Amino acid sequence: MNNKFQLSWIFILSIVFLIGFSMMALLFSQNEVTAFDRAIIAFVQGLESPYLTAVMKFFTFIGSFKAIIVISLFTMALLYAVLKHRIELILFIAVLVGTPILNRLLKEFFQRARPDLHRLIEIGGYSFPSGHAMNAASMYGILAFLLWRHIPTRWGRSLLIIFSMAMIVTIGISRIYLGVHYPSDIIAGYLASGCWLAITIAVFQRYQEKRSSFRIDRNSA
């Protein structure tokens, strides 16, 4: 009953994220987020300084494909060798492999040009939704989900959530600060990854539930 309750909430979350992304996409397509985007960009870039630029370039690198690969390899080694939870590697890989594929499909569908207001770095490709935002949300979201059950203390779990949220938000802000994404790109990226995360976790939890039921039935036979 508890597992079914959890699955129901995960399913509801996926629907909420999907609706949120759809609304953001609709607002963008109708140019209803222009004022919002420009106001946030003006505020964030108004904080520009050499030190902050260096910090934001670091965080944008952390959210890059190369950094994600390195973090992913380390995490897979941890899950496989230390935690001994090898089945969770399937979920981890599915989330991280699916995220850039989904991002590419969405970008090709919407084909939004990147902002040209004030860029501190140069980058090509489309803008909506942000790949960095999606990568960060997927990476640190799935890490929080997988590590949560292995942390016994409340303060440890709180630190895990704070760290994950800080990384996700800071990587997103770095893209706005550097002038390569609109704020609506970042929000849409979070929502798209949230939906993808919820779906993959729901499938994983369902698989785990069936696996446990099969073991119980086999042992009782």
C-alpha atoms as a PDB file:
ATOM      1  CA  MET A   1       0.000   0.000   0.000  1.00  0.00           C
ATOM      2  CA  ASN A   2       2.843   2.335   0.871  1.00  0.00           C
ATOM      3  CA  ASN A   3       4.614   1.613  -2.419  1.00  0.00           C
ATOM      4  CA  LYS A   4       1.413   2.232  -4.367  1.00  0.00           C
ATOM      5  CA  PHE A   5       0.967   5.530  -2.523  1.00  0.00           C
ATOM      6  CA  GLN A   6       4.518   6.563  -3.410  1.00  0.00           C
ATOM      7  CA  LEU A   7       4.044   5.598  -7.040  1.00  0.00           C
ATOM      8  CA  SER A   8       0.836   7.616  -7.188  1.00  0.00           C
ATOM      9  CA  TRP A   9       2.597  10.711  -5.906  1.00  0.00           C
ATOM     10  CA  ILE A  10       5.493  10.229  -8.323  1.00  0.00           C
ATOM     11  CA  PHE A  11       3.016   9.925 -11.183  1.00  0.00           C
ATOM     12  CA  ILE A  12       1.230  13.105 -10.055  1.00  0.00           C
ATOM     13  CA  LEU A  13       4.587  14.897  -9.889  1.00  0.00           C
ATOM     14  CA  SER A  14       5.415  13.877 -13.455  1.00  0.00           C
ATOM     15  CA  ILE A  15       2.074  15.302 -14.618  1.00  0.00           C
ATOM     16  CA  VAL A  16       2.670  18.547 -12.703  1.00  0.00           C
ATOM     17  CA  PHE A  17       6.122  18.946 -14.274  1.00  0.00           C
ATOM     18  CA  LEU A  18       4.739  18.164 -17.724  1.00  0.00           C
ATOM     19  CA  ILE A  19       1.962  20.733 -17.348  1.00  0.00           C
ATOM     20  CA  GLY A  20       4.475  23.288 -16.069  1.00  0.00           C
ATOM     21  CA  PHE A  21       6.773  22.718 -19.034  1.00  0.00           C
ATOM     22  CA  SER A  22       3.861  22.894 -21.474  1.00  0.00           C
ATOM     23  CA  MET A  23       2.737  26.207 -19.992  1.00  0.00           C
ATOM     24  CA  MET A  24       6.268  27.612 -20.194  1.00  0.00           C
ATOM     25  CA  ALA A  25       6.557  26.480 -23.822  1.00  0.00           C
ATOM     26  CA  LEU A  26       3.195  28.088 -24.642  1.00  0.00           C
ATOM     27  CA  LEU A  27       4.174  31.368 -22.993  1.00  0.00           C
ATOM     28  CA  PHE A  28       7.494  31.382 -24.857  1.00  0.00           C
ATOM     29  CA  SER A  29       5.868  30.639 -28.211  1.00  0.00           C
ATOM     30  CA  GLN A  30       3.449  33.538 -27.692  1.00  0.00           C
ATOM     31  CA  ASN A  31       6.234  35.912 -26.556  1.00  0.00           C
ATOM     32  CA  GLU A  32       4.647  36.251 -23.137  1.00  0.00           C
ATOM     33  CA  VAL A  33       7.907  35.794 -21.214  1.00  0.00           C
ATOM     34  CA  THR A  34       9.968  38.511 -22.903  1.00  0.00           C
ATOM     35  CA  ALA A  35       9.536  41.086 -20.146  1.00  0.00           C
ATOM     36  CA  PHE A  36      10.175  38.482 -17.449  1.00  0.00           C
ATOM     37  CA  ASP A  37      13.316  37.219 -19.164  1.00  0.00           C
ATOM     38  CA  ARG A  38      14.763  40.680 -19.723  1.00  0.00           C
ATOM     39  CA  ALA A  39      14.077  41.767 -16.136  1.00  0.00           C
ATOM     40  CA  ILE A  40      15.822  38.714 -14.654  1.00  0.00           C
ATOM     41  CA  ILE A  41      18.748  38.989 -17.083  1.00  0.00           C
ATOM     42  CA  ALA A  42      19.197  42.671 -16.241  1.00  0.00           C
ATOM     43  CA  PHE A  43      19.250  41.910 -12.514  1.00  0.00           C
ATOM     44  CA  VAL A  44      21.619  38.925 -12.727  1.00  0.00           C
ATOM     45  CA  GLN A  45      24.031  40.544 -15.172  1.00  0.00           C
ATOM     46  CA  GLY A  46      23.909  43.734 -13.147  1.00  0.00           C
ATOM     47  CA  LEU A  47      25.943  41.854 -10.520  1.00  0.00           C
ATOM     48  CA  GLU A  48      28.817  41.336 -12.957  1.00  0.00           C
ATOM     49  CA  SER A  49      32.347  41.438 -11.582  1.00  0.00           C
ATOM     50  CA  PRO A  50      35.606  39.669 -12.514  1.00  0.00           C
ATOM     51  CA  TYR A  51      35.422  37.425  -9.436  1.00  0.00           C
ATOM     52  CA  LEU A  52      31.774  36.480  -9.991  1.00  0.00           C
ATOM     53  CA  THR A  53      32.434  35.813 -13.674  1.00  0.00           C
ATOM     54  CA  ALA A  54      35.156  33.331 -12.735  1.00  0.00           C
ATOM     55  CA  VAL A  55      32.802  31.616 -10.271  1.00  0.00           C
ATOM     56  CA  MET A  56      30.000  31.397 -12.824  1.00  0.00           C
ATOM     57  CA  LYS A  57      32.319  30.003 -15.482  1.00  0.00           C
ATOM     58  CA  PHE A  58      33.333  27.305 -13.003  1.00  0.00           C
ATOM     59  CA  PHE A  59      29.743  26.318 -12.276  1.00  0.00           C
ATOM     60  CA  THR A  60      28.799  26.353 -15.936  1.00  0.00           C
ATOM     61  CA  PHE A  61      31.714  23.960 -16.532  1.00  0.00           C
ATOM     62  CA  ILE A  62      30.422  21.702 -13.732  1.00  0.00           C
ATOM     63  CA  GLY A  63      27.163  21.456 -15.659  1.00  0.00           C
ATOM     64  CA  SER A  64      28.891  20.727 -18.982  1.00  0.00           C
ATOM     65  CA  PHE A  65      28.843  17.379 -20.743  1.00  0.00           C
ATOM     66  CA  LYS A  66      32.496  16.637 -19.922  1.00  0.00           C
ATOM     67  CA  ALA A  67      32.028  17.294 -16.211  1.00  0.00           C
ATOM     68  CA  ILE A  68      28.808  15.270 -16.130  1.00  0.00           C
ATOM     69  CA  ILE A  69      30.653  12.294 -17.630  1.00  0.00           C
ATOM     70  CA  VAL A  70      33.388  12.464 -14.971  1.00  0.00           C
ATOM     71  CA  ILE A  71      30.866  12.781 -12.121  1.00  0.00           C
ATOM     72  CA  SER A  72      28.791   9.973 -13.627  1.00  0.00           C
ATOM     73  CA  LEU A  73      31.757   7.590 -13.816  1.00  0.00           C
ATOM     74  CA  PHE A  74      32.684   8.335 -10.202  1.00  0.00           C
ATOM     75  CA  THR A  75      29.087   7.802  -9.067  1.00  0.00           C
ATOM     76  CA  MET A  76      28.720   4.543 -10.959  1.00  0.00           C
ATOM     77  CA  ALA A  77      31.951   3.272  -9.417  1.00  0.00           C
ATOM     78  CA  LEU A  78      30.621   4.257  -5.979  1.00  0.00           C
ATOM     79  CA  LEU A  79      27.290   2.522  -6.489  1.00  0.00           C
ATOM     80  CA  TYR A  80      28.909  -0.581  -7.934  1.00  0.00           C
ATOM     81  CA  ALA A  81      31.926  -1.064  -5.662  1.00  0.00           C
ATOM     82  CA  VAL A  82      31.085   0.633  -2.360  1.00  0.00           C
ATOM     83  CA  LEU A  83      27.326   0.654  -1.869  1.00  0.00           C
ATOM     84  CA  LYS A  84      26.837  -2.702  -3.598  1.00  0.00           C
ATOM     85  CA  HIS A  85      23.567  -1.498  -5.112  1.00  0.00           C
ATOM     86  CA  ARG A  86      24.266  -2.472  -8.688  1.00  0.00           C
ATOM     87  CA  ILE A  87      20.618  -2.518  -9.788  1.00  0.00           C
ATOM     88  CA  GLU A  88      20.504   1.236  -9.171  1.00  0.00           C
ATOM     89  CA  LEU A  89      23.083   1.711 -11.916  1.00  0.00           C
ATOM     90  CA  ILE A  90      20.341   0.980 -14.439  1.00  0.00           C
ATOM     91  CA  LEU A  91      18.235   3.870 -13.129  1.00  0.00           C
ATOM     92  CA  PHE A  92      21.240   6.188 -12.946  1.00  0.00           C
ATOM     93  CA  ILE A  93      22.329   5.423 -16.514  1.00  0.00           C
ATOM     94  CA  ALA A  94      18.783   5.683 -17.879  1.00  0.00           C
ATOM     95  CA  VAL A  95      18.320   9.142 -16.375  1.00  0.00           C
ATOM     96  CA  LEU A  96      21.653  10.511 -17.574  1.00  0.00           C
ATOM     97  CA  VAL A  97      21.520   8.985 -21.043  1.00  0.00           C
ATOM     98  CA  GLY A  98      17.919   9.998 -21.615  1.00  0.00           C
ATOM     99  CA  THR A  99      18.353  13.609 -20.501  1.00  0.00           C
ATOM    100  CA  PRO A 100      20.576  14.896 -23.367  1.00  0.00           C
ATOM    101  CA  ILE A 101      18.506  12.959 -25.897  1.00  0.00           C
ATOM    102  CA  LEU A 102      15.316  14.563 -24.612  1.00  0.00           C
ATOM    103  CA  ASN A 103      17.006  17.970 -24.542  1.00  0.00           C
ATOM    104  CA  ARG A 104      18.152  17.624 -28.153  1.00  0.00           C
ATOM    105  CA  LEU A 105      14.665  16.653 -29.312  1.00  0.00           C
ATOM    106  CA  LEU A 106      13.069  19.582 -27.486  1.00  0.00           C
ATOM    107  CA  LYS A 107      15.609  22.082 -28.775  1.00  0.00           C
ATOM    108  CA  GLU A 108      15.131  20.919 -32.353  1.00  0.00           C
ATOM    109  CA  PHE A 109      11.366  21.182 -31.944  1.00  0.00           C
ATOM    110  CA  PHE A 110      11.269  24.713 -30.469  1.00  0.00           C
ATOM    111  CA  GLN A 111      14.406  26.138 -32.186  1.00  0.00           C
ATOM    112  CA  ARG A 112      14.698  29.200 -29.967  1.00  0.00           C
ATOM    113  CA  ALA A 113      17.719  31.388 -30.656  1.00  0.00           C
ATOM    114  CA  ARG A 114      20.019  32.213 -27.757  1.00  0.00           C
ATOM    115  CA  PRO A 115      19.907  35.702 -26.222  1.00  0.00           C
ATOM    116  CA  ASP A 116      22.223  38.290 -27.780  1.00  0.00           C
ATOM    117  CA  LEU A 117      22.031  40.976 -25.089  1.00  0.00           C
ATOM    118  CA  HIS A 118      25.391  40.609 -23.335  1.00  0.00           C
ATOM    119  CA  ARG A 119      27.381  37.401 -23.698  1.00  0.00           C
ATOM    120  CA  LEU A 120      30.446  36.622 -21.625  1.00  0.00           C
ATOM    121  CA  ILE A 121      31.081  33.334 -23.462  1.00  0.00           C
ATOM    122  CA  GLU A 122      30.228  32.150 -26.956  1.00  0.00           C
ATOM    123  CA  ILE A 123      28.260  29.002 -27.648  1.00  0.00           C
ATOM    124  CA  GLY A 124      26.168  27.710 -30.513  1.00  0.00           C
ATOM    125  CA  GLY A 125      22.950  25.761 -30.762  1.00  0.00           C
ATOM    126  CA  TYR A 126      19.401  26.485 -29.707  1.00  0.00           C
ATOM    127  CA  SER A 127      18.371  27.827 -26.335  1.00  0.00           C
ATOM    128  CA  PHE A 128      15.066  26.264 -25.187  1.00  0.00           C
ATOM    129  CA  PRO A 129      15.199  24.374 -22.893  1.00  0.00           C
ATOM    130  CA  SER A 130      18.620  24.737 -21.274  1.00  0.00           C
ATOM    131  CA  GLY A 131      20.773  21.624 -21.568  1.00  0.00           C
ATOM    132  CA  HIS A 132      22.852  22.652 -18.560  1.00  0.00           C
ATOM    133  CA  ALA A 133      19.717  23.088 -16.447  1.00  0.00           C
ATOM    134  CA  MET A 134      18.413  19.703 -17.529  1.00  0.00           C
ATOM    135  CA  ASN A 135      21.760  17.981 -16.925  1.00  0.00           C
ATOM    136  CA  ALA A 136      22.099  19.558 -13.477  1.00  0.00           C
ATOM    137  CA  ALA A 137      18.546  18.713 -12.413  1.00  0.00           C
ATOM    138  CA  SER A 138      18.875  15.134 -13.630  1.00  0.00           C
ATOM    139  CA  MET A 139      22.342  14.539 -12.225  1.00  0.00           C
ATOM    140  CA  TYR A 140      21.872  15.985  -8.745  1.00  0.00           C
ATOM    141  CA  GLY A 141      18.233  14.953  -8.588  1.00  0.00           C
ATOM    142  CA  ILE A 142      18.988  11.285  -9.186  1.00  0.00           C
ATOM    143  CA  LEU A 143      22.014  11.455  -6.879  1.00  0.00           C
ATOM    144  CA  ALA A 144      19.812  12.781  -4.089  1.00  0.00           C
ATOM    145  CA  PHE A 145      17.263  10.027  -4.716  1.00  0.00           C
ATOM    146  CA  LEU A 146      19.850   7.220  -4.744  1.00  0.00           C
ATOM    147  CA  LEU A 147      21.955   8.418  -1.810  1.00  0.00           C
ATOM    148  CA  TRP A 148      19.004   9.424   0.402  1.00  0.00           C
ATOM    149  CA  ARG A 149      18.240   5.846   1.470  1.00  0.00           C
ATOM    150  CA  HIS A 150      21.876   5.213   2.384  1.00  0.00           C
ATOM    151  CA  ILE A 151      22.193   8.215   4.716  1.00  0.00           C
ATOM    152  CA  PRO A 152      20.892   7.285   8.200  1.00  0.00           C
ATOM    153  CA  THR A 153      20.828  10.725   9.862  1.00  0.00           C
ATOM    154  CA  ARG A 154      18.391  13.588   9.318  1.00  0.00           C
ATOM    155  CA  TRP A 155      21.150  16.204   9.175  1.00  0.00           C
ATOM    156  CA  GLY A 156      22.994  14.136   6.588  1.00  0.00           C
ATOM    157  CA  ARG A 157      19.907  13.958   4.397  1.00  0.00           C
ATOM    158  CA  SER A 158      19.306  17.682   4.868  1.00  0.00           C
ATOM    159  CA  LEU A 159      22.863  18.432   3.725  1.00  0.00           C
ATOM    160  CA  LEU A 160      22.342  16.194   0.699  1.00  0.00           C
ATOM    161  CA  ILE A 161      19.193  18.083  -0.337  1.00  0.00           C
ATOM    162  CA  ILE A 162      20.772  21.496   0.287  1.00  0.00           C
ATOM    163  CA  PHE A 163      23.865  20.558  -1.727  1.00  0.00           C
ATOM    164  CA  SER A 164      21.808  19.155  -4.616  1.00  0.00           C
ATOM    165  CA  MET A 165      19.509  22.175  -4.768  1.00  0.00           C
ATOM    166  CA  ALA A 166      22.449  24.593  -4.537  1.00  0.00           C
ATOM    167  CA  MET A 167      24.217  22.918  -7.454  1.00  0.00           C
ATOM    168  CA  ILE A 168      21.079  22.832  -9.606  1.00  0.00           C
ATOM    169  CA  VAL A 169      20.181  26.473  -8.973  1.00  0.00           C
ATOM    170  CA  THR A 170      23.718  27.835  -9.261  1.00  0.00           C
ATOM    171  CA  ILE A 171      24.402  26.067 -12.552  1.00  0.00           C
ATOM    172  CA  GLY A 172      21.156  27.491 -13.919  1.00  0.00           C
ATOM    173  CA  ILE A 173      21.980  31.019 -12.750  1.00  0.00           C
ATOM    174  CA  SER A 174      25.461  30.752 -14.277  1.00  0.00           C
ATOM    175  CA  ARG A 175      23.910  30.322 -17.725  1.00  0.00           C
ATOM    176  CA  ILE A 176      21.834  33.478 -17.295  1.00  0.00           C
ATOM    177  CA  TYR A 177      24.808  35.407 -15.914  1.00  0.00           C
ATOM    178  CA  LEU A 178      27.028  34.392 -18.838  1.00  0.00           C
ATOM    179  CA  GLY A 179      24.353  35.514 -21.300  1.00  0.00           C
ATOM    180  CA  VAL A 180      23.743  32.213 -23.092  1.00  0.00           C
ATOM    181  CA  HIS A 181      20.249  31.424 -21.806  1.00  0.00           C
ATOM    182  CA  TYR A 182      16.997  33.143 -20.987  1.00  0.00           C
ATOM    183  CA  PRO A 183      15.581  32.521 -17.491  1.00  0.00           C
ATOM    184  CA  SER A 184      12.605  30.800 -19.126  1.00  0.00           C
ATOM    185  CA  ASP A 185      15.062  28.353 -20.740  1.00  0.00           C
ATOM    186  CA  ILE A 186      16.377  27.454 -17.295  1.00  0.00           C
ATOM    187  CA  ILE A 187      12.936  27.003 -15.743  1.00  0.00           C
ATOM    188  CA  ALA A 188      11.793  24.905 -18.700  1.00  0.00           C
ATOM    189  CA  GLY A 189      14.918  22.763 -18.341  1.00  0.00           C
ATOM    190  CA  TYR A 190      14.171  22.113 -14.674  1.00  0.00           C
ATOM    191  CA  LEU A 191      10.574  21.182 -15.465  1.00  0.00           C
ATOM    192  CA  ALA A 192      11.520  18.881 -18.353  1.00  0.00           C
ATOM    193  CA  SER A 193      14.099  17.067 -16.226  1.00  0.00           C
ATOM    194  CA  GLY A 194      11.667  16.886 -13.318  1.00  0.00           C
ATOM    195  CA  CYS A 195       9.167  15.101 -15.538  1.00  0.00           C
ATOM    196  CA  TRP A 196      11.818  12.726 -16.914  1.00  0.00           C
ATOM    197  CA  LEU A 197      13.146  11.992 -13.415  1.00  0.00           C
ATOM    198  CA  ALA A 198       9.684  11.254 -12.057  1.00  0.00           C
ATOM    199  CA  ILE A 199       8.884   8.879 -14.933  1.00  0.00           C
ATOM    200  CA  THR A 200      12.142   6.934 -14.677  1.00  0.00           C
ATOM    201  CA  ILE A 201      11.928   6.706 -10.880  1.00  0.00           C
ATOM    202  CA  ALA A 202       8.321   5.488 -11.108  1.00  0.00           C
ATOM    203  CA  VAL A 203       9.337   2.762 -13.564  1.00  0.00           C
ATOM    204  CA  PHE A 204      12.258   1.782 -11.331  1.00  0.00           C
ATOM    205  CA  GLN A 205      10.105   1.663  -8.199  1.00  0.00           C
ATOM    206  CA  ARG A 206       7.506  -0.416 -10.005  1.00  0.00           C
ATOM    207  CA  TYR A 207      10.192  -2.824 -11.149  1.00  0.00           C
ATOM    208  CA  GLN A 208      11.552  -3.100  -7.614  1.00  0.00           C
ATOM    209  CA  GLU A 209       8.066  -3.790  -6.283  1.00  0.00           C
ATOM    210  CA  LYS A 210       7.467  -6.585  -8.802  1.00  0.00           C
ATOM    211  CA  ARG A 211      10.915  -8.008  -8.091  1.00  0.00           C
ATOM    212  CA  SER A 212      10.211  -8.125  -4.349  1.00  0.00           C
ATOM    213  CA  SER A 213       6.805  -9.732  -4.898  1.00  0.00           C
ATOM    214  CA  PHE A 214       8.359 -12.377  -7.130  1.00  0.00           C
ATOM    215  CA  ARG A 215      10.946 -13.236  -4.464  1.00  0.00           C
ATOM    216  CA  ILE A 216       8.255 -13.533  -1.785  1.00  0.00           C
ATOM    217  CA  ASP A 217       6.097 -15.778  -3.986  1.00  0.00           C
ATOM    218  CA  ARG A 218       9.070 -17.980  -4.886  1.00  0.00           C
ATOM    219  CA  ASN A 219      10.170 -18.348  -1.244  1.00  0.00           C
ATOM    220  CA  SER A 220       6.659 -19.197  -0.086  1.00  0.00           C
ATOM    221  CA  ALA A 221       6.140 -21.772  -2.831  1.00  0.00           C
END
